[in-house]
N, C-alpha and C. Protein backbone atom coordinates (compact mmCIF):
# COMPACT_ATOMS: atom_id res chain seq x y z
N UNK A 1 -7.61 21.27 -0.12
CA UNK A 1 -6.48 21.23 -1.04
C UNK A 1 -6.79 20.25 -2.17
N UNK A 2 -6.73 20.72 -3.41
CA UNK A 2 -7.03 19.88 -4.57
C UNK A 2 -5.74 19.25 -5.09
N UNK A 3 -5.73 17.92 -5.15
CA UNK A 3 -4.57 17.18 -5.67
C UNK A 3 -5.03 16.40 -6.89
N UNK A 4 -4.49 16.72 -8.05
CA UNK A 4 -4.85 16.00 -9.27
C UNK A 4 -4.21 14.62 -9.24
N UNK A 5 -4.91 13.63 -9.80
CA UNK A 5 -4.37 12.26 -9.75
C UNK A 5 -3.04 12.13 -10.47
N UNK A 6 -2.77 13.00 -11.44
CA UNK A 6 -1.48 12.93 -12.14
C UNK A 6 -0.32 13.30 -11.23
N UNK A 7 -0.61 13.92 -10.08
CA UNK A 7 0.43 14.28 -9.12
C UNK A 7 0.70 13.17 -8.12
N UNK A 8 0.04 12.02 -8.32
CA UNK A 8 0.14 10.91 -7.36
C UNK A 8 0.69 9.67 -8.06
N UNK A 9 1.71 9.08 -7.47
CA UNK A 9 2.21 7.77 -7.90
C UNK A 9 1.64 6.71 -6.97
N UNK A 10 1.16 5.62 -7.55
CA UNK A 10 0.64 4.50 -6.76
C UNK A 10 1.69 3.42 -6.62
N UNK A 11 1.85 2.92 -5.40
CA UNK A 11 2.83 1.87 -5.11
C UNK A 11 2.12 0.65 -4.54
N UNK A 12 2.30 -0.49 -5.18
CA UNK A 12 1.80 -1.76 -4.66
C UNK A 12 2.93 -2.44 -3.90
N UNK A 13 2.68 -2.75 -2.64
CA UNK A 13 3.68 -3.36 -1.77
C UNK A 13 3.57 -4.88 -1.85
N UNK A 14 4.60 -5.52 -2.38
CA UNK A 14 4.63 -6.98 -2.51
C UNK A 14 5.99 -7.53 -2.09
N UNK A 15 6.61 -6.85 -1.12
CA UNK A 15 7.96 -7.22 -0.76
C UNK A 15 8.11 -8.01 0.52
N UNK A 16 7.01 -8.49 1.09
CA UNK A 16 7.08 -9.19 2.36
C UNK A 16 7.54 -10.63 2.26
N UNK A 17 7.73 -11.23 3.42
CA UNK A 17 8.21 -12.62 3.48
C UNK A 17 7.09 -13.63 3.22
N UNK A 18 5.83 -13.24 3.37
CA UNK A 18 4.74 -14.19 3.23
C UNK A 18 4.78 -15.27 4.29
N UNK A 19 5.21 -14.90 5.49
CA UNK A 19 5.42 -15.90 6.56
C UNK A 19 4.17 -16.69 6.86
N UNK A 20 3.04 -16.00 6.98
CA UNK A 20 1.80 -16.70 7.34
C UNK A 20 1.20 -17.47 6.18
N UNK A 21 1.82 -17.35 5.00
CA UNK A 21 1.44 -18.20 3.86
C UNK A 21 2.47 -19.29 3.64
N UNK A 22 3.31 -19.52 4.63
CA UNK A 22 4.32 -20.56 4.51
C UNK A 22 5.55 -20.13 3.76
N UNK A 23 5.75 -18.82 3.62
CA UNK A 23 6.95 -18.32 2.96
C UNK A 23 6.83 -18.13 1.47
N UNK A 24 5.63 -18.35 0.91
CA UNK A 24 5.47 -18.15 -0.53
C UNK A 24 5.51 -16.65 -0.85
N UNK A 25 5.76 -16.33 -2.10
CA UNK A 25 5.76 -14.94 -2.55
C UNK A 25 4.30 -14.54 -2.72
N UNK A 26 3.81 -13.79 -1.76
CA UNK A 26 2.37 -13.51 -1.68
C UNK A 26 1.83 -12.82 -2.94
N UNK A 27 2.58 -11.87 -3.46
CA UNK A 27 2.09 -11.11 -4.61
C UNK A 27 1.87 -11.94 -5.85
N UNK A 28 2.46 -13.14 -5.90
CA UNK A 28 2.30 -14.01 -7.07
C UNK A 28 1.22 -15.06 -6.88
N UNK A 29 0.57 -15.09 -5.72
CA UNK A 29 -0.54 -16.00 -5.51
C UNK A 29 -1.76 -15.50 -6.27
N UNK A 30 -2.58 -16.44 -6.75
CA UNK A 30 -3.64 -16.08 -7.67
C UNK A 30 -4.92 -15.64 -6.96
N UNK A 31 -5.51 -14.56 -7.48
CA UNK A 31 -6.82 -14.09 -7.03
C UNK A 31 -7.69 -13.91 -8.26
N UNK A 32 -8.76 -14.72 -8.35
CA UNK A 32 -9.65 -14.69 -9.52
C UNK A 32 -8.87 -14.85 -10.82
N UNK A 33 -7.84 -15.71 -10.75
CA UNK A 33 -7.06 -16.04 -11.94
C UNK A 33 -5.95 -15.07 -12.27
N UNK A 34 -5.71 -14.09 -11.40
CA UNK A 34 -4.69 -13.07 -11.64
C UNK A 34 -3.80 -12.98 -10.41
N UNK A 35 -2.48 -12.84 -10.56
CA UNK A 35 -1.63 -12.67 -9.39
C UNK A 35 -2.09 -11.47 -8.54
N UNK A 36 -2.02 -11.63 -7.24
CA UNK A 36 -2.49 -10.58 -6.33
C UNK A 36 -1.88 -9.22 -6.66
N UNK A 37 -0.59 -9.17 -6.91
CA UNK A 37 0.05 -7.89 -7.19
C UNK A 37 -0.48 -7.27 -8.47
N UNK A 38 -0.69 -8.10 -9.50
CA UNK A 38 -1.23 -7.59 -10.76
C UNK A 38 -2.66 -7.07 -10.56
N UNK A 39 -3.43 -7.79 -9.77
CA UNK A 39 -4.81 -7.39 -9.49
C UNK A 39 -4.82 -6.02 -8.81
N UNK A 40 -3.94 -5.85 -7.84
CA UNK A 40 -3.86 -4.57 -7.13
C UNK A 40 -3.42 -3.45 -8.06
N UNK A 41 -2.46 -3.73 -8.92
CA UNK A 41 -2.00 -2.72 -9.88
C UNK A 41 -3.14 -2.23 -10.76
N UNK A 42 -3.92 -3.18 -11.27
CA UNK A 42 -4.99 -2.80 -12.19
C UNK A 42 -6.11 -2.06 -11.47
N UNK A 43 -6.34 -2.37 -10.20
CA UNK A 43 -7.36 -1.65 -9.43
C UNK A 43 -6.88 -0.24 -9.09
N UNK A 44 -5.58 -0.08 -8.93
CA UNK A 44 -5.02 1.21 -8.58
C UNK A 44 -4.80 2.11 -9.81
N UNK A 45 -4.57 1.49 -10.95
CA UNK A 45 -4.15 2.23 -12.15
C UNK A 45 -5.05 3.43 -12.49
N UNK A 46 -6.40 3.29 -12.51
CA UNK A 46 -7.21 4.44 -12.88
C UNK A 46 -7.28 5.53 -11.82
N UNK A 47 -6.71 5.26 -10.65
CA UNK A 47 -6.79 6.22 -9.55
C UNK A 47 -5.57 7.13 -9.44
N UNK A 48 -4.51 6.82 -10.20
CA UNK A 48 -3.24 7.53 -10.04
C UNK A 48 -2.65 7.90 -11.39
N UNK A 49 -1.57 8.70 -11.35
CA UNK A 49 -0.91 9.10 -12.59
C UNK A 49 0.21 8.18 -13.03
N UNK A 50 0.80 7.43 -12.09
CA UNK A 50 1.90 6.52 -12.39
C UNK A 50 1.87 5.38 -11.39
N UNK A 51 2.54 4.28 -11.72
CA UNK A 51 2.54 3.09 -10.88
C UNK A 51 3.96 2.60 -10.63
N UNK A 52 4.16 2.04 -9.43
CA UNK A 52 5.40 1.35 -9.06
C UNK A 52 5.03 0.08 -8.31
N UNK A 53 5.96 -0.87 -8.31
CA UNK A 53 5.83 -2.11 -7.53
C UNK A 53 7.03 -2.25 -6.62
N UNK A 54 6.79 -2.66 -5.39
CA UNK A 54 7.87 -3.01 -4.47
C UNK A 54 7.87 -4.52 -4.29
N UNK A 55 8.98 -5.18 -4.65
CA UNK A 55 9.12 -6.62 -4.50
C UNK A 55 10.58 -6.93 -4.22
N UNK A 56 10.81 -8.06 -3.55
CA UNK A 56 12.17 -8.46 -3.19
C UNK A 56 12.57 -9.83 -3.73
N UNK A 57 11.63 -10.54 -4.31
CA UNK A 57 11.91 -11.86 -4.88
C UNK A 57 11.25 -11.95 -6.25
N UNK A 58 11.70 -12.91 -7.05
CA UNK A 58 11.05 -13.18 -8.34
C UNK A 58 10.83 -11.90 -9.14
N UNK A 59 11.88 -11.09 -9.23
CA UNK A 59 11.72 -9.76 -9.82
C UNK A 59 11.29 -9.81 -11.28
N UNK A 60 11.71 -10.81 -12.02
CA UNK A 60 11.32 -10.91 -13.42
C UNK A 60 9.81 -11.08 -13.56
N UNK A 61 9.23 -11.88 -12.68
CA UNK A 61 7.77 -12.08 -12.72
C UNK A 61 7.04 -10.77 -12.45
N UNK A 62 7.54 -9.99 -11.52
CA UNK A 62 6.91 -8.70 -11.22
C UNK A 62 7.13 -7.69 -12.33
N UNK A 63 8.32 -7.71 -12.92
CA UNK A 63 8.60 -6.77 -14.01
C UNK A 63 7.68 -7.00 -15.20
N UNK A 64 7.22 -8.23 -15.37
CA UNK A 64 6.31 -8.56 -16.47
C UNK A 64 4.92 -7.97 -16.27
N UNK A 65 4.65 -7.41 -15.10
CA UNK A 65 3.33 -6.86 -14.81
C UNK A 65 3.16 -5.43 -15.34
N UNK A 66 4.22 -4.84 -15.86
CA UNK A 66 4.07 -3.58 -16.56
C UNK A 66 4.27 -2.33 -15.74
N UNK A 67 4.87 -2.46 -14.57
CA UNK A 67 5.21 -1.28 -13.77
C UNK A 67 6.65 -1.42 -13.29
N UNK A 68 7.37 -0.31 -13.11
CA UNK A 68 8.73 -0.40 -12.58
C UNK A 68 8.75 -1.08 -11.22
N UNK A 69 9.72 -1.95 -11.02
CA UNK A 69 9.83 -2.74 -9.79
C UNK A 69 11.06 -2.31 -9.01
N UNK A 70 10.87 -2.02 -7.74
CA UNK A 70 11.99 -1.58 -6.88
C UNK A 70 12.01 -2.39 -5.59
N UNK A 71 13.11 -3.07 -5.30
CA UNK A 71 13.26 -3.79 -4.03
C UNK A 71 13.45 -2.81 -2.86
N UNK A 72 13.36 -3.35 -1.65
CA UNK A 72 13.67 -2.57 -0.46
C UNK A 72 15.11 -2.06 -0.55
N UNK A 73 15.33 -0.88 -0.03
CA UNK A 73 16.69 -0.34 0.07
C UNK A 73 17.42 -0.90 1.28
N UNK A 74 16.67 -1.44 2.23
CA UNK A 74 17.23 -1.92 3.50
C UNK A 74 17.04 -3.43 3.55
N UNK A 75 18.09 -4.15 3.90
CA UNK A 75 18.06 -5.62 3.90
C UNK A 75 17.20 -6.17 5.03
N UNK A 76 16.95 -7.47 4.94
CA UNK A 76 16.29 -8.25 6.00
C UNK A 76 14.79 -7.98 6.11
N UNK A 77 14.14 -7.57 5.04
CA UNK A 77 12.68 -7.43 5.02
C UNK A 77 12.16 -6.69 6.26
N UNK A 78 12.50 -5.44 6.44
CA UNK A 78 12.09 -4.76 7.67
C UNK A 78 10.62 -4.35 7.72
N UNK A 79 9.82 -4.70 6.71
CA UNK A 79 8.40 -4.43 6.77
C UNK A 79 7.94 -3.42 5.73
N UNK A 80 6.65 -3.06 5.77
CA UNK A 80 6.10 -2.21 4.72
C UNK A 80 6.73 -0.83 4.64
N UNK A 81 7.25 -0.31 5.75
CA UNK A 81 7.89 1.00 5.70
C UNK A 81 9.08 1.00 4.75
N UNK A 82 9.79 -0.11 4.67
CA UNK A 82 10.93 -0.20 3.75
C UNK A 82 10.45 -0.13 2.30
N UNK A 83 9.32 -0.77 2.02
CA UNK A 83 8.75 -0.68 0.68
C UNK A 83 8.31 0.73 0.37
N UNK A 84 7.70 1.39 1.36
CA UNK A 84 7.29 2.78 1.17
C UNK A 84 8.50 3.67 0.88
N UNK A 85 9.61 3.41 1.58
CA UNK A 85 10.82 4.19 1.36
C UNK A 85 11.33 4.00 -0.07
N UNK A 86 11.31 2.77 -0.56
CA UNK A 86 11.72 2.52 -1.94
C UNK A 86 10.83 3.29 -2.91
N UNK A 87 9.52 3.31 -2.61
CA UNK A 87 8.60 4.05 -3.45
C UNK A 87 8.88 5.54 -3.45
N UNK A 88 9.14 6.09 -2.27
CA UNK A 88 9.44 7.52 -2.19
C UNK A 88 10.73 7.87 -2.91
N UNK A 89 11.70 6.97 -2.87
CA UNK A 89 12.97 7.21 -3.55
C UNK A 89 12.79 7.30 -5.06
N UNK A 90 11.90 6.48 -5.59
CA UNK A 90 11.76 6.40 -7.05
C UNK A 90 10.49 7.08 -7.56
N UNK A 91 9.81 7.78 -6.69
CA UNK A 91 8.60 8.49 -7.04
C UNK A 91 8.96 9.83 -7.69
N UNK A 92 8.40 10.13 -8.86
CA UNK A 92 8.70 11.38 -9.55
C UNK A 92 7.56 12.39 -9.44
N UNK A 93 6.59 12.10 -8.59
CA UNK A 93 5.45 12.99 -8.38
C UNK A 93 5.50 13.53 -6.95
N UNK A 94 4.73 14.58 -6.64
CA UNK A 94 4.78 15.14 -5.29
C UNK A 94 4.15 14.26 -4.22
N UNK A 95 3.37 13.25 -4.64
CA UNK A 95 2.66 12.42 -3.68
C UNK A 95 2.80 10.95 -4.04
N UNK A 96 2.78 10.11 -3.02
CA UNK A 96 2.83 8.65 -3.19
C UNK A 96 1.68 8.05 -2.38
N UNK A 97 0.94 7.14 -3.01
CA UNK A 97 -0.09 6.40 -2.28
C UNK A 97 0.30 4.94 -2.29
N UNK A 98 0.11 4.26 -1.16
CA UNK A 98 0.54 2.87 -1.05
C UNK A 98 -0.64 1.95 -0.73
N UNK A 99 -0.59 0.75 -1.32
CA UNK A 99 -1.57 -0.30 -1.01
C UNK A 99 -0.81 -1.62 -0.93
N UNK A 100 -1.23 -2.52 -0.03
CA UNK A 100 -0.61 -3.84 0.03
C UNK A 100 -1.21 -4.76 -1.03
N UNK A 101 -0.40 -5.69 -1.52
CA UNK A 101 -0.89 -6.58 -2.58
C UNK A 101 -1.93 -7.58 -2.08
N UNK A 102 -1.99 -7.78 -0.75
CA UNK A 102 -2.85 -8.86 -0.23
C UNK A 102 -4.26 -8.40 0.13
N UNK A 103 -4.63 -7.18 -0.28
CA UNK A 103 -5.97 -6.66 -0.01
C UNK A 103 -6.56 -6.22 -1.34
N UNK A 104 -7.00 -7.17 -2.16
CA UNK A 104 -7.29 -6.87 -3.57
C UNK A 104 -8.54 -6.05 -3.81
N UNK A 105 -9.44 -5.95 -2.83
CA UNK A 105 -10.72 -5.30 -3.07
C UNK A 105 -10.82 -3.91 -2.46
N UNK A 106 -9.67 -3.25 -2.30
CA UNK A 106 -9.69 -1.91 -1.72
C UNK A 106 -10.57 -0.98 -2.58
N UNK A 107 -11.11 0.07 -1.97
CA UNK A 107 -12.10 0.90 -2.68
C UNK A 107 -11.57 1.53 -3.96
N UNK A 108 -12.45 1.64 -4.94
CA UNK A 108 -12.06 2.25 -6.21
C UNK A 108 -11.97 3.77 -6.09
N UNK A 109 -12.46 4.31 -4.99
CA UNK A 109 -12.30 5.75 -4.74
C UNK A 109 -11.31 6.01 -3.60
N UNK A 110 -10.47 5.02 -3.30
CA UNK A 110 -9.52 5.15 -2.19
C UNK A 110 -8.65 6.39 -2.33
N UNK A 111 -8.00 6.54 -3.47
CA UNK A 111 -7.05 7.62 -3.64
C UNK A 111 -7.75 8.97 -3.64
N UNK A 112 -8.88 9.05 -4.31
CA UNK A 112 -9.61 10.32 -4.35
C UNK A 112 -10.00 10.78 -2.95
N UNK A 113 -10.43 9.85 -2.12
CA UNK A 113 -10.86 10.23 -0.77
C UNK A 113 -9.68 10.61 0.11
N UNK A 114 -8.58 9.90 -0.03
CA UNK A 114 -7.38 10.27 0.73
C UNK A 114 -6.88 11.64 0.29
N UNK A 115 -6.87 11.88 -1.02
CA UNK A 115 -6.37 13.15 -1.54
C UNK A 115 -7.27 14.31 -1.11
N UNK A 116 -8.56 14.08 -1.09
CA UNK A 116 -9.50 15.13 -0.70
C UNK A 116 -9.30 15.53 0.76
N UNK A 117 -8.92 14.56 1.59
CA UNK A 117 -8.79 14.81 3.02
C UNK A 117 -7.45 15.43 3.41
N UNK A 118 -6.44 15.29 2.57
CA UNK A 118 -5.10 15.76 2.93
C UNK A 118 -5.06 17.28 2.95
N UNK A 119 -4.76 17.84 4.11
CA UNK A 119 -4.68 19.28 4.25
C UNK A 119 -3.28 19.80 4.04
N UNK A 120 -3.13 21.12 3.89
CA UNK A 120 -1.81 21.71 3.63
C UNK A 120 -0.78 21.39 4.70
N UNK A 121 -1.22 21.23 5.95
CA UNK A 121 -0.28 20.96 7.04
C UNK A 121 -0.07 19.48 7.30
N UNK A 122 -0.82 18.64 6.58
CA UNK A 122 -0.72 17.20 6.80
C UNK A 122 0.41 16.61 5.97
N UNK A 123 1.16 15.69 6.59
CA UNK A 123 2.15 14.95 5.83
C UNK A 123 1.56 13.73 5.15
N UNK A 124 0.47 13.20 5.73
CA UNK A 124 -0.11 11.96 5.25
C UNK A 124 -1.61 11.97 5.46
N UNK A 125 -2.30 11.10 4.72
CA UNK A 125 -3.69 10.77 4.98
C UNK A 125 -3.77 9.25 5.03
N UNK A 126 -4.36 8.72 6.09
CA UNK A 126 -4.38 7.27 6.32
C UNK A 126 -5.81 6.76 6.40
N UNK A 127 -6.05 5.59 5.80
CA UNK A 127 -7.37 4.98 5.83
C UNK A 127 -7.67 4.36 7.19
N UNK A 128 -8.91 4.49 7.61
CA UNK A 128 -9.45 3.80 8.78
C UNK A 128 -10.75 3.13 8.36
N UNK A 129 -11.06 2.00 8.98
CA UNK A 129 -12.36 1.37 8.74
C UNK A 129 -13.22 1.50 9.98
N UNK A 130 -14.52 1.63 9.73
CA UNK A 130 -15.48 1.69 10.84
C UNK A 130 -15.92 0.27 11.14
N UNK A 131 -15.46 -0.26 12.26
CA UNK A 131 -15.77 -1.62 12.68
C UNK A 131 -16.81 -1.56 13.80
N UNK A 132 -17.49 -2.68 14.10
CA UNK A 132 -18.47 -2.68 15.20
C UNK A 132 -17.88 -2.21 16.52
N UNK A 133 -16.59 -2.50 16.75
CA UNK A 133 -15.95 -2.12 18.01
C UNK A 133 -15.31 -0.74 17.96
N UNK A 134 -15.39 -0.08 16.81
CA UNK A 134 -14.79 1.24 16.68
C UNK A 134 -13.97 1.37 15.41
N UNK A 135 -13.24 2.45 15.31
CA UNK A 135 -12.42 2.69 14.12
C UNK A 135 -11.10 1.94 14.21
N UNK A 136 -10.71 1.37 13.08
CA UNK A 136 -9.48 0.58 13.03
C UNK A 136 -8.56 1.16 11.96
N UNK A 137 -7.33 1.41 12.33
CA UNK A 137 -6.35 1.96 11.39
C UNK A 137 -5.98 0.94 10.33
N UNK A 138 -5.84 1.41 9.11
CA UNK A 138 -5.33 0.62 7.99
C UNK A 138 -4.08 1.34 7.47
N UNK A 139 -3.00 1.33 8.25
CA UNK A 139 -1.89 2.27 8.01
C UNK A 139 -1.12 2.06 6.72
N UNK A 140 -1.25 0.90 6.09
CA UNK A 140 -0.51 0.69 4.84
C UNK A 140 -1.26 1.31 3.66
N UNK A 141 -2.52 1.67 3.89
CA UNK A 141 -3.28 2.41 2.88
C UNK A 141 -3.14 3.89 3.20
N UNK A 142 -2.17 4.52 2.59
CA UNK A 142 -1.93 5.92 2.94
C UNK A 142 -1.42 6.71 1.74
N UNK A 143 -1.73 8.00 1.79
CA UNK A 143 -1.22 8.96 0.82
C UNK A 143 -0.25 9.85 1.56
N UNK A 144 0.95 10.01 1.03
CA UNK A 144 1.95 10.81 1.73
C UNK A 144 2.67 11.74 0.76
N UNK A 145 3.18 12.81 1.32
CA UNK A 145 3.99 13.73 0.54
C UNK A 145 5.36 13.11 0.26
N UNK A 146 5.84 13.23 -0.96
CA UNK A 146 7.13 12.65 -1.31
C UNK A 146 8.27 13.28 -0.52
N UNK A 147 8.03 14.46 0.00
CA UNK A 147 9.06 15.15 0.79
C UNK A 147 9.35 14.47 2.12
N UNK A 148 8.56 13.45 2.48
CA UNK A 148 8.79 12.72 3.73
C UNK A 148 9.89 11.67 3.60
N UNK A 149 10.51 11.55 2.43
CA UNK A 149 11.49 10.48 2.25
C UNK A 149 12.61 10.51 3.29
N UNK A 150 13.20 11.67 3.52
CA UNK A 150 14.30 11.77 4.48
C UNK A 150 13.87 11.39 5.88
N UNK A 151 12.69 11.84 6.28
CA UNK A 151 12.17 11.52 7.61
C UNK A 151 11.91 10.03 7.75
N UNK A 152 11.36 9.41 6.69
CA UNK A 152 11.09 7.97 6.77
C UNK A 152 12.38 7.17 6.80
N UNK A 153 13.37 7.56 6.03
CA UNK A 153 14.65 6.87 6.05
C UNK A 153 15.27 6.91 7.44
N UNK A 154 15.24 8.07 8.07
CA UNK A 154 15.80 8.20 9.41
C UNK A 154 15.01 7.38 10.42
N UNK A 155 13.71 7.34 10.27
CA UNK A 155 12.83 6.60 11.17
C UNK A 155 13.16 5.10 11.11
N UNK A 156 13.30 4.56 9.90
CA UNK A 156 13.59 3.13 9.74
C UNK A 156 14.99 2.81 10.26
N UNK A 157 15.95 3.65 9.94
CA UNK A 157 17.34 3.38 10.33
C UNK A 157 17.54 3.53 11.84
N UNK A 158 16.59 4.18 12.50
CA UNK A 158 16.65 4.26 13.96
C UNK A 158 16.15 2.97 14.62
N UNK A 159 15.63 2.06 13.81
CA UNK A 159 15.13 0.79 14.32
C UNK A 159 13.63 0.69 14.43
N UNK A 160 12.92 1.76 14.09
CA UNK A 160 11.46 1.76 14.18
C UNK A 160 10.87 1.02 12.98
N UNK A 161 9.74 0.35 13.21
CA UNK A 161 9.11 -0.42 12.15
C UNK A 161 7.60 -0.17 12.06
N UNK A 162 7.02 0.59 12.97
CA UNK A 162 5.57 0.70 13.05
C UNK A 162 5.06 1.80 12.13
N UNK A 163 4.26 1.39 11.15
CA UNK A 163 3.70 2.34 10.19
C UNK A 163 2.84 3.38 10.89
N UNK A 164 2.02 2.93 11.83
CA UNK A 164 1.13 3.84 12.54
C UNK A 164 1.87 4.90 13.33
N UNK A 165 3.01 4.53 13.91
CA UNK A 165 3.79 5.48 14.68
C UNK A 165 4.38 6.55 13.77
N UNK A 166 4.87 6.15 12.61
CA UNK A 166 5.40 7.13 11.68
C UNK A 166 4.29 8.09 11.24
N UNK A 167 3.11 7.55 10.97
CA UNK A 167 1.99 8.40 10.56
C UNK A 167 1.64 9.39 11.66
N UNK A 168 1.64 8.92 12.91
CA UNK A 168 1.28 9.80 14.02
C UNK A 168 2.26 10.95 14.17
N UNK A 169 3.51 10.72 13.80
CA UNK A 169 4.54 11.75 13.94
C UNK A 169 4.51 12.79 12.82
N UNK A 170 3.70 12.52 11.78
CA UNK A 170 3.72 13.40 10.60
C UNK A 170 2.33 13.89 10.23
N UNK A 171 1.57 14.23 11.25
CA UNK A 171 0.28 14.90 11.04
C UNK A 171 -0.58 14.14 10.03
N UNK A 172 -0.80 12.87 10.29
CA UNK A 172 -1.62 12.08 9.39
C UNK A 172 -3.10 12.31 9.70
N UNK A 173 -3.85 12.71 8.69
CA UNK A 173 -5.29 12.86 8.86
C UNK A 173 -5.96 11.51 8.63
N UNK A 174 -7.06 11.27 9.34
CA UNK A 174 -7.76 9.99 9.28
C UNK A 174 -8.93 10.07 8.30
N UNK A 175 -9.01 9.10 7.43
CA UNK A 175 -10.10 9.03 6.46
C UNK A 175 -10.87 7.74 6.71
N UNK A 176 -12.13 7.85 7.11
CA UNK A 176 -12.90 6.69 7.55
C UNK A 176 -13.69 6.11 6.38
N UNK A 177 -13.54 4.81 6.18
CA UNK A 177 -14.29 4.05 5.19
C UNK A 177 -15.27 3.14 5.93
N UNK A 178 -16.51 3.10 5.46
CA UNK A 178 -17.55 2.40 6.19
C UNK A 178 -17.84 1.00 5.64
N UNK A 179 -16.95 0.47 4.81
CA UNK A 179 -17.10 -0.89 4.30
C UNK A 179 -15.85 -1.69 4.65
N UNK A 180 -15.80 -2.25 5.86
CA UNK A 180 -14.59 -2.99 6.27
C UNK A 180 -14.24 -4.14 5.34
N UNK A 181 -15.25 -4.72 4.67
CA UNK A 181 -14.98 -5.86 3.78
C UNK A 181 -14.07 -5.48 2.63
N UNK A 182 -14.07 -4.21 2.26
CA UNK A 182 -13.20 -3.75 1.18
C UNK A 182 -11.73 -3.84 1.57
N UNK A 183 -11.47 -3.93 2.87
CA UNK A 183 -10.09 -3.99 3.36
C UNK A 183 -9.74 -5.38 3.89
N UNK A 184 -10.56 -6.39 3.54
CA UNK A 184 -10.25 -7.77 3.95
C UNK A 184 -8.97 -8.22 3.26
N UNK A 185 -8.02 -8.70 4.06
CA UNK A 185 -6.76 -9.10 3.45
C UNK A 185 -6.53 -10.60 3.56
N UNK A 186 -5.60 -11.08 2.76
CA UNK A 186 -5.29 -12.50 2.69
C UNK A 186 -3.91 -12.72 3.28
N UNK A 187 -3.86 -12.90 4.58
CA UNK A 187 -2.58 -13.19 5.24
C UNK A 187 -2.22 -14.66 5.14
N UNK A 188 -3.24 -15.51 4.96
CA UNK A 188 -3.03 -16.95 4.88
C UNK A 188 -3.65 -17.47 3.58
N UNK A 189 -3.27 -18.68 3.20
CA UNK A 189 -3.86 -19.27 2.02
C UNK A 189 -5.36 -19.51 2.21
N UNK A 190 -5.76 -19.80 3.45
CA UNK A 190 -7.18 -19.97 3.75
C UNK A 190 -7.96 -18.69 3.54
N UNK A 191 -7.40 -17.57 3.98
CA UNK A 191 -8.07 -16.29 3.78
C UNK A 191 -8.14 -15.93 2.30
N UNK A 192 -7.10 -16.29 1.56
CA UNK A 192 -7.12 -16.06 0.12
C UNK A 192 -8.20 -16.90 -0.54
N UNK A 193 -8.35 -18.15 -0.08
CA UNK A 193 -9.41 -19.02 -0.62
C UNK A 193 -10.79 -18.43 -0.33
N UNK A 194 -10.96 -17.84 0.84
CA UNK A 194 -12.24 -17.22 1.19
C UNK A 194 -12.58 -16.07 0.24
N UNK A 195 -11.57 -15.33 -0.18
CA UNK A 195 -11.82 -14.22 -1.09
C UNK A 195 -12.26 -14.71 -2.48
N UNK A 196 -11.91 -15.96 -2.82
CA UNK A 196 -12.36 -16.51 -4.09
C UNK A 196 -13.83 -16.90 -4.02
N UNK A 197 -14.29 -17.28 -2.83
CA UNK A 197 -15.68 -17.70 -2.65
C UNK A 197 -16.59 -16.49 -2.64
N UNK A 198 -16.13 -15.40 -2.02
CA UNK A 198 -16.95 -14.20 -1.89
C UNK A 198 -16.22 -13.01 -2.48
N UNK A 199 -16.00 -13.05 -3.81
CA UNK A 199 -15.28 -11.93 -4.42
C UNK A 199 -16.09 -10.65 -4.34
N UNK A 200 -15.39 -9.53 -4.31
CA UNK A 200 -16.03 -8.21 -4.23
C UNK A 200 -15.45 -7.37 -5.36
N UNK A 201 -16.29 -6.64 -6.04
CA UNK A 201 -15.80 -5.80 -7.14
C UNK A 201 -15.83 -4.35 -6.75
């Protein structure tokens, strides 16, 4: 199934609590002199037809990054699925691809590879990395059909929070990437500092 990039909206998820960073707004922390969310937007921009940002704090700072900003529709920071739901609600294309703001070096062919793998019967395509111990799911890196909005809303409102479980319920195809370092994320300030020492382009 051929999916043109203009049919895909890219969503950068920056709506978390940043708990493991001491509660700071993670998307506004600097990576190579640029806020993490802005860095992710610019890396995603050439891969998609439109861009959105999901954020719940400091909305003016995010709005200055040049993409429409949408907070979670559900209170209490229920996790990345809530950000995905906001993206699906405001997505005007048939497909939505999501990336977290804290993984700035995701592959520049991420969207193309997910789109190539998505079959007619698949609801989603999800990234996996090939690790020494086996394949590891990267469930927040996913391409999904916008028609899944109703199903995702019901899933979250039922109390479920696991991205991988939602993917499993909607015929998610697995796309394996063989460079785990491209998916290195900054959950802590220390991990973010490490990414400054060993930047990847």
